[in-house]
């Protein structure tokens, strides 16, 4: 079955960095686009970034453009989110998501907290 497992969250000071990982299994990872979303307390889940199956094209929400980088390693079935220059408003649970045969799949999420 399709599984997505996020890791790499934690507590970091403003201006710091975190690298999130999402390990995928149960499907042909290399042929599907992957995305990161986040949900802050009391807010709706929002899209953060997307990467195409081969990694050749990426897209970002305006709020993270220039600070976050999405990448993937198809040999390791893993997608990453490098988060730099973190701000308190980046505090959220971060989820990876994909569609396999038009069915959406989500990971369980990893908490990133930006606070001094």
C-alpha atoms as a PDB file:
ATOM      1  CA  UNK A   1       0.000   0.000   0.000  1.00  0.00           C
ATOM      2  CA  UNK A   2       1.032   3.607  -0.523  1.00  0.00           C
ATOM      3  CA  UNK A   3       2.915   5.034   2.443  1.00  0.00           C
ATOM      4  CA  UNK A   4       4.410   8.466   2.998  1.00  0.00           C
ATOM      5  CA  UNK A   5       6.493   9.032   6.122  1.00  0.00           C
ATOM      6  CA  UNK A   6       7.738  12.523   6.969  1.00  0.00           C
ATOM      7  CA  UNK A   7      10.655  13.301   9.259  1.00  0.00           C
ATOM      8  CA  UNK A   8      13.055  16.088  10.100  1.00  0.00           C
ATOM      9  CA  UNK A   9      10.837  18.482  11.988  1.00  0.00           C
ATOM     10  CA  UNK A  10      11.851  20.119  15.237  1.00  0.00           C
ATOM     11  CA  UNK A  11      12.346  23.358  17.116  1.00  0.00           C
ATOM     12  CA  UNK A  12      14.493  26.038  15.512  1.00  0.00           C
ATOM     13  CA  UNK A  13      15.141  29.714  16.183  1.00  0.00           C
ATOM     14  CA  UNK A  14      14.006  32.396  13.743  1.00  0.00           C
ATOM     15  CA  UNK A  15      16.461  32.637  10.876  1.00  0.00           C
ATOM     16  CA  UNK A  16      17.415  28.976  11.234  1.00  0.00           C
ATOM     17  CA  UNK A  17      17.006  26.041   8.885  1.00  0.00           C
ATOM     18  CA  UNK A  18      15.363  22.641   8.804  1.00  0.00           C
ATOM     19  CA  UNK A  19      15.394  19.897   6.206  1.00  0.00           C
ATOM     20  CA  UNK A  20      12.276  17.779   5.993  1.00  0.00           C
ATOM     21  CA  UNK A  21      12.189  14.371   4.338  1.00  0.00           C
ATOM     22  CA  UNK A  22       9.304  12.270   3.069  1.00  0.00           C
ATOM     23  CA  UNK A  23      10.051   8.601   2.416  1.00  0.00           C
ATOM     24  CA  UNK A  24       7.644   6.960  -0.023  1.00  0.00           C
ATOM     25  CA  UNK A  25       6.802   3.313  -0.594  1.00  0.00           C
ATOM     26  CA  UNK A  26       4.161   1.152  -2.211  1.00  0.00           C
ATOM     27  CA  UNK A  27       4.085   2.869  -5.603  1.00  0.00           C
ATOM     28  CA  UNK A  28       6.354   3.823  -8.487  1.00  0.00           C
ATOM     29  CA  UNK A  29       7.683   7.004  -6.891  1.00  0.00           C
ATOM     30  CA  UNK A  30       9.619   8.142  -9.966  1.00  0.00           C
ATOM     31  CA  UNK A  31       6.535   8.729 -12.128  1.00  0.00           C
ATOM     32  CA  UNK A  32       4.492  10.881  -9.733  1.00  0.00           C
ATOM     33  CA  UNK A  33       4.697  14.525  -8.769  1.00  0.00           C
ATOM     34  CA  UNK A  34       5.078  15.226  -5.065  1.00  0.00           C
ATOM     35  CA  UNK A  35       3.983  18.165  -2.954  1.00  0.00           C
ATOM     36  CA  UNK A  36       4.445  19.621   0.501  1.00  0.00           C
ATOM     37  CA  UNK A  37       1.619  21.204   2.453  1.00  0.00           C
ATOM     38  CA  UNK A  38       1.455  22.694   5.934  1.00  0.00           C
ATOM     39  CA  UNK A  39      -1.162  23.393   8.561  1.00  0.00           C
ATOM     40  CA  UNK A  40      -0.666  25.953  11.299  1.00  0.00           C
ATOM     41  CA  UNK A  41      -2.731  25.870  14.507  1.00  0.00           C
ATOM     42  CA  UNK A  42      -6.247  27.142  13.870  1.00  0.00           C
ATOM     43  CA  UNK A  43      -5.665  27.520  10.131  1.00  0.00           C
ATOM     44  CA  UNK A  44      -6.522  25.550   7.025  1.00  0.00           C
ATOM     45  CA  UNK A  45      -3.964  23.312   5.397  1.00  0.00           C
ATOM     46  CA  UNK A  46      -2.104  25.210   2.675  1.00  0.00           C
ATOM     47  CA  UNK A  47       0.032  24.229  -0.264  1.00  0.00           C
ATOM     48  CA  UNK A  48       3.761  24.953   0.056  1.00  0.00           C
ATOM     49  CA  UNK A  49       5.591  23.469  -2.937  1.00  0.00           C
ATOM     50  CA  UNK A  50       5.377  20.926  -5.757  1.00  0.00           C
ATOM     51  CA  UNK A  51       7.972  19.036  -7.766  1.00  0.00           C
ATOM     52  CA  UNK A  52       7.401  17.109 -10.977  1.00  0.00           C
ATOM     53  CA  UNK A  53       8.160  13.409 -11.308  1.00  0.00           C
ATOM     54  CA  UNK A  54      11.627  13.910 -12.758  1.00  0.00           C
ATOM     55  CA  UNK A  55      12.424  16.895 -10.587  1.00  0.00           C
ATOM     56  CA  UNK A  56      12.830  19.226 -13.533  1.00  0.00           C
ATOM     57  CA  UNK A  57      10.121  21.657 -12.522  1.00  0.00           C
ATOM     58  CA  UNK A  58       9.139  23.117  -9.172  1.00  0.00           C
ATOM     59  CA  UNK A  59       6.608  25.600  -7.882  1.00  0.00           C
ATOM     60  CA  UNK A  60       6.275  27.454  -4.582  1.00  0.00           C
ATOM     61  CA  UNK A  61       3.754  29.412  -2.594  1.00  0.00           C
ATOM     62  CA  UNK A  62       4.601  33.116  -2.508  1.00  0.00           C
ATOM     63  CA  UNK A  63       5.041  32.941   1.260  1.00  0.00           C
ATOM     64  CA  UNK A  64       8.028  30.574   0.977  1.00  0.00           C
ATOM     65  CA  UNK A  65       9.514  31.499  -2.410  1.00  0.00           C
ATOM     66  CA  UNK A  66      13.223  32.201  -2.150  1.00  0.00           C
ATOM     67  CA  UNK A  67      13.489  30.550   1.287  1.00  0.00           C
ATOM     68  CA  UNK A  68      12.314  26.957   0.723  1.00  0.00           C
ATOM     69  CA  UNK A  69      13.595  24.436  -1.817  1.00  0.00           C
ATOM     70  CA  UNK A  70      11.817  21.229  -2.792  1.00  0.00           C
ATOM     71  CA  UNK A  71      13.890  18.396  -4.261  1.00  0.00           C
ATOM     72  CA  UNK A  72      13.706  14.658  -4.741  1.00  0.00           C
ATOM     73  CA  UNK A  73      15.918  11.610  -5.026  1.00  0.00           C
ATOM     74  CA  UNK A  74      14.131   9.003  -7.119  1.00  0.00           C
ATOM     75  CA  UNK A  75      16.764   6.389  -6.306  1.00  0.00           C
ATOM     76  CA  UNK A  76      15.865   6.763  -2.616  1.00  0.00           C
ATOM     77  CA  UNK A  77      12.118   7.284  -3.115  1.00  0.00           C
ATOM     78  CA  UNK A  78      12.377  10.443  -1.041  1.00  0.00           C
ATOM     79  CA  UNK A  79      11.278  14.036  -1.421  1.00  0.00           C
ATOM     80  CA  UNK A  80      12.839  16.839   0.609  1.00  0.00           C
ATOM     81  CA  UNK A  81      11.958  20.331   1.729  1.00  0.00           C
ATOM     82  CA  UNK A  82      14.906  22.521   2.644  1.00  0.00           C
ATOM     83  CA  UNK A  83      13.632  25.415   4.735  1.00  0.00           C
ATOM     84  CA  UNK A  84      15.938  28.390   5.295  1.00  0.00           C
ATOM     85  CA  UNK A  85      15.469  31.797   6.914  1.00  0.00           C
ATOM     86  CA  UNK A  86      12.635  30.388   8.961  1.00  0.00           C
ATOM     87  CA  UNK A  87      10.076  32.702  10.512  1.00  0.00           C
ATOM     88  CA  UNK A  88       7.681  32.141  13.420  1.00  0.00           C
ATOM     89  CA  UNK A  89       4.824  32.088  10.901  1.00  0.00           C
ATOM     90  CA  UNK A  90       6.364  28.980   9.316  1.00  0.00           C
ATOM     91  CA  UNK A  91       5.411  27.048  12.462  1.00  0.00           C
ATOM     92  CA  UNK A  92       3.122  24.242  11.330  1.00  0.00           C
ATOM     93  CA  UNK A  93       2.719  20.538  10.782  1.00  0.00           C
ATOM     94  CA  UNK A  94       4.229  19.766   7.387  1.00  0.00           C
ATOM     95  CA  UNK A  95       2.755  17.023   5.208  1.00  0.00           C
ATOM     96  CA  UNK A  96       3.833  15.448   1.950  1.00  0.00           C
ATOM     97  CA  UNK A  97       1.192  14.446  -0.567  1.00  0.00           C
ATOM     98  CA  UNK A  98       0.887  12.656  -3.864  1.00  0.00           C
ATOM     99  CA  UNK A  99      -1.814  11.385  -6.186  1.00  0.00           C
ATOM    100  CA  UNK A 100      -1.554   7.782  -7.311  1.00  0.00           C
ATOM    101  CA  UNK A 101      -4.121   6.790  -9.963  1.00  0.00           C
ATOM    102  CA  UNK A 102      -6.115   9.925  -9.036  1.00  0.00           C
ATOM    103  CA  UNK A 103      -6.281   8.981  -5.347  1.00  0.00           C
ATOM    104  CA  UNK A 104      -4.674  11.456  -2.901  1.00  0.00           C
ATOM    105  CA  UNK A 105      -2.318  10.144  -0.255  1.00  0.00           C
ATOM    106  CA  UNK A 106      -0.928  12.046   2.734  1.00  0.00           C
ATOM    107  CA  UNK A 107       1.753  11.359   5.258  1.00  0.00           C
ATOM    108  CA  UNK A 108       1.193  11.695   9.000  1.00  0.00           C
ATOM    109  CA  UNK A 109       3.041  15.003   9.167  1.00  0.00           C
ATOM    110  CA  UNK A 110       6.059  16.365  10.993  1.00  0.00           C
ATOM    111  CA  UNK A 111       5.976  19.365  13.337  1.00  0.00           C
ATOM    112  CA  UNK A 112       8.227  22.334  12.652  1.00  0.00           C
ATOM    113  CA  UNK A 113       8.294  25.033  15.323  1.00  0.00           C
ATOM    114  CA  UNK A 114      10.090  28.345  14.842  1.00  0.00           C
ATOM    115  CA  UNK A 115      10.527  30.163  18.120  1.00  0.00           C
ATOM    116  CA  UNK A 116      13.133  31.949  20.170  1.00  0.00           C
END
